């Protein structure tokens, strides 16, 4: 099978006015934002821990990492996307971040992606790309988890 025929099932998550793209297998669940365990003396983007299925999952305001104002948690449309970690740190098996709206599932092949060569300023975005005509941000999960781990150990 050629690269153009191979498809990866991805999910698009709305964060502020940006679309984040992840492999669909990374997303576990999108849940209401409830029971946040606050964390003192942390960056604004680290909201605390989401109490999810008996786990304390780091909760991040993804847009705030890049200086954009976080959406109101009182907004019914704001929820948390819980995703699997990709790193080896067993202390962080999951991470979560605020999203709005309903996730979109898409099948993406190599022919569907056009890289955007503009520099990316967000510390946890690997790159921007046009995917099936939509501008998306590809999440650098390793960088996101590294930032969370650094905050957790200080």
Protein backbone atom coordinates (compact mmCIF):
# COMPACT_ATOMS: atom_id res chain seq x y z
CA UNK A 1 0.00 0.00 0.00
CA UNK A 2 1.47 3.41 -0.92
CA UNK A 3 1.80 6.31 1.52
CA UNK A 4 -0.98 8.18 -0.27
CA UNK A 5 -3.39 5.32 0.33
CA UNK A 6 -2.56 4.85 4.01
CA UNK A 7 -4.88 6.76 6.30
CA UNK A 8 -4.46 7.70 9.93
CA UNK A 9 -7.57 8.29 11.98
CA UNK A 10 -7.13 11.66 13.69
CA UNK A 11 -9.18 13.87 15.96
CA UNK A 12 -9.50 17.65 15.68
CA UNK A 13 -10.07 19.47 18.97
CA UNK A 14 -11.04 23.14 19.12
CA UNK A 15 -8.93 25.22 21.50
CA UNK A 16 -9.93 28.86 21.39
CA UNK A 17 -9.98 29.48 17.62
CA UNK A 18 -7.33 26.88 16.82
CA UNK A 19 -7.78 23.28 15.73
CA UNK A 20 -5.41 20.83 17.40
CA UNK A 21 -4.78 17.55 15.60
CA UNK A 22 -3.91 14.34 17.43
CA UNK A 23 -4.08 10.69 16.50
CA UNK A 24 -7.56 9.50 17.45
CA UNK A 25 -5.98 6.73 19.54
CA UNK A 26 -4.46 9.40 21.85
CA UNK A 27 -7.86 10.75 22.93
CA UNK A 28 -9.52 8.85 25.76
CA UNK A 29 -12.51 11.00 26.58
CA UNK A 30 -13.87 14.56 26.57
CA UNK A 31 -15.41 15.32 29.95
CA UNK A 32 -17.02 18.23 31.81
CA UNK A 33 -14.56 20.33 33.80
CA UNK A 34 -15.37 19.49 37.41
CA UNK A 35 -13.47 18.72 40.57
CA UNK A 36 -10.28 20.60 39.76
CA UNK A 37 -7.61 20.14 42.40
CA UNK A 38 -5.80 23.47 42.61
CA UNK A 39 -2.02 23.72 42.53
CA UNK A 40 -0.24 26.66 44.17
CA UNK A 41 2.70 28.56 42.67
CA UNK A 42 2.37 27.17 39.14
CA UNK A 43 2.29 28.92 35.74
CA UNK A 44 -1.09 30.29 34.63
CA UNK A 45 -1.43 27.56 32.02
CA UNK A 46 -1.24 24.80 34.66
CA UNK A 47 -4.76 24.84 36.08
CA UNK A 48 -4.27 21.99 38.51
CA UNK A 49 -5.41 18.39 38.40
CA UNK A 50 -8.64 17.03 37.00
CA UNK A 51 -10.19 14.33 39.17
CA UNK A 52 -10.93 11.80 36.43
CA UNK A 53 -11.94 8.20 37.17
CA UNK A 54 -9.99 8.24 40.42
CA UNK A 55 -6.86 9.67 38.77
CA UNK A 56 -5.33 13.11 39.29
CA UNK A 57 -4.72 14.21 35.69
CA UNK A 58 -2.74 17.42 34.98
CA UNK A 59 -5.14 20.00 33.47
CA UNK A 60 -3.66 22.56 31.11
CA UNK A 61 -5.06 25.69 29.44
CA UNK A 62 -3.29 25.06 26.12
CA UNK A 63 -3.92 28.54 24.71
CA UNK A 64 -2.54 30.22 27.85
CA UNK A 65 0.85 28.57 27.17
CA UNK A 66 1.08 30.98 24.23
CA UNK A 67 -0.25 34.07 26.01
CA UNK A 68 -3.87 33.80 24.85
CA UNK A 69 -6.61 34.31 27.42
CA UNK A 70 -8.20 31.14 28.76
CA UNK A 71 -11.95 30.58 28.19
CA UNK A 72 -14.30 30.85 31.14
CA UNK A 73 -14.77 27.56 32.96
CA UNK A 74 -18.38 28.63 33.56
CA UNK A 75 -19.03 28.23 29.82
CA UNK A 76 -20.91 24.96 29.27
CA UNK A 77 -19.02 24.48 25.99
CA UNK A 78 -15.64 24.26 27.75
CA UNK A 79 -14.64 20.69 28.56
CA UNK A 80 -11.45 18.74 29.18
CA UNK A 81 -9.89 16.37 26.66
CA UNK A 82 -8.17 13.53 28.51
CA UNK A 83 -5.39 11.97 26.46
CA UNK A 84 -2.79 9.26 26.90
CA UNK A 85 0.76 10.39 27.64
CA UNK A 86 3.43 9.36 25.16
CA UNK A 87 6.42 9.63 27.49
CA UNK A 88 8.02 7.10 29.79
CA UNK A 89 7.07 8.91 33.01
CA UNK A 90 4.75 6.48 34.78
CA UNK A 91 3.72 9.28 37.17
CA UNK A 92 1.94 11.02 34.27
CA UNK A 93 -0.04 8.36 32.37
CA UNK A 94 -2.62 10.94 31.22
CA UNK A 95 -2.80 14.68 30.57
CA UNK A 96 -5.80 16.89 29.89
CA UNK A 97 -6.42 20.28 28.38
CA UNK A 98 -9.38 22.58 27.89
CA UNK A 99 -11.29 22.27 24.62
CA UNK A 100 -14.48 23.73 23.20
CA UNK A 101 -17.11 22.15 21.00
CA UNK A 102 -17.32 18.62 19.71
CA UNK A 103 -14.25 16.68 18.55
CA UNK A 104 -14.13 15.91 14.83
CA UNK A 105 -12.84 12.55 13.63
CA UNK A 106 -11.09 12.61 10.25
CA UNK A 107 -9.08 10.14 8.21
CA UNK A 108 -5.83 11.70 7.01
CA UNK A 109 -3.47 10.46 4.33
CA UNK A 110 -0.18 11.95 3.19
CA UNK A 111 -1.89 13.58 0.19
CA UNK A 112 -4.25 15.44 2.58
CA UNK A 113 -1.43 17.32 4.37
CA UNK A 114 0.31 20.49 3.21
CA UNK A 115 2.93 21.72 5.70
CA UNK A 116 2.84 25.37 6.71
CA UNK A 117 6.42 26.64 6.83
CA UNK A 118 5.65 29.68 9.00
CA UNK A 119 7.48 29.62 12.34
CA UNK A 120 5.43 28.34 15.28
CA UNK A 121 5.57 30.34 18.52
CA UNK A 122 3.56 27.97 20.74
CA UNK A 123 5.90 25.85 22.90
CA UNK A 124 3.79 22.68 22.54
CA UNK A 125 2.96 22.85 18.82
CA UNK A 126 5.20 20.84 16.48
CA UNK A 127 3.94 22.55 13.33
CA UNK A 128 0.95 23.98 11.53
CA UNK A 129 -0.43 22.32 8.42
CA UNK A 130 -3.33 22.46 6.03
CA UNK A 131 -5.24 19.21 6.36
CA UNK A 132 -8.08 18.77 3.89
CA UNK A 133 -8.21 22.55 3.56
CA UNK A 134 -8.31 23.29 7.32
CA UNK A 135 -5.40 24.95 9.13
CA UNK A 136 -4.52 22.71 12.07
CA UNK A 137 -1.86 22.67 14.78
CA UNK A 138 -0.03 19.40 15.32
CA UNK A 139 0.56 18.92 19.04
CA UNK A 140 4.11 18.12 20.19
CA UNK A 141 3.06 15.73 22.95
CA UNK A 142 6.62 15.19 24.15
CA UNK A 143 7.09 18.95 24.66
CA UNK A 144 3.72 19.34 26.37
CA UNK A 145 4.47 16.50 28.75
CA UNK A 146 7.97 17.86 29.39
CA UNK A 147 6.52 21.23 30.39
CA UNK A 148 4.02 19.56 32.71
CA UNK A 149 6.68 17.34 34.26
CA UNK A 150 8.96 20.33 34.86
CA UNK A 151 6.14 22.16 36.68
CA UNK A 152 5.26 19.09 38.74
CA UNK A 153 8.82 18.62 39.99
CA UNK A 154 9.30 22.22 41.16
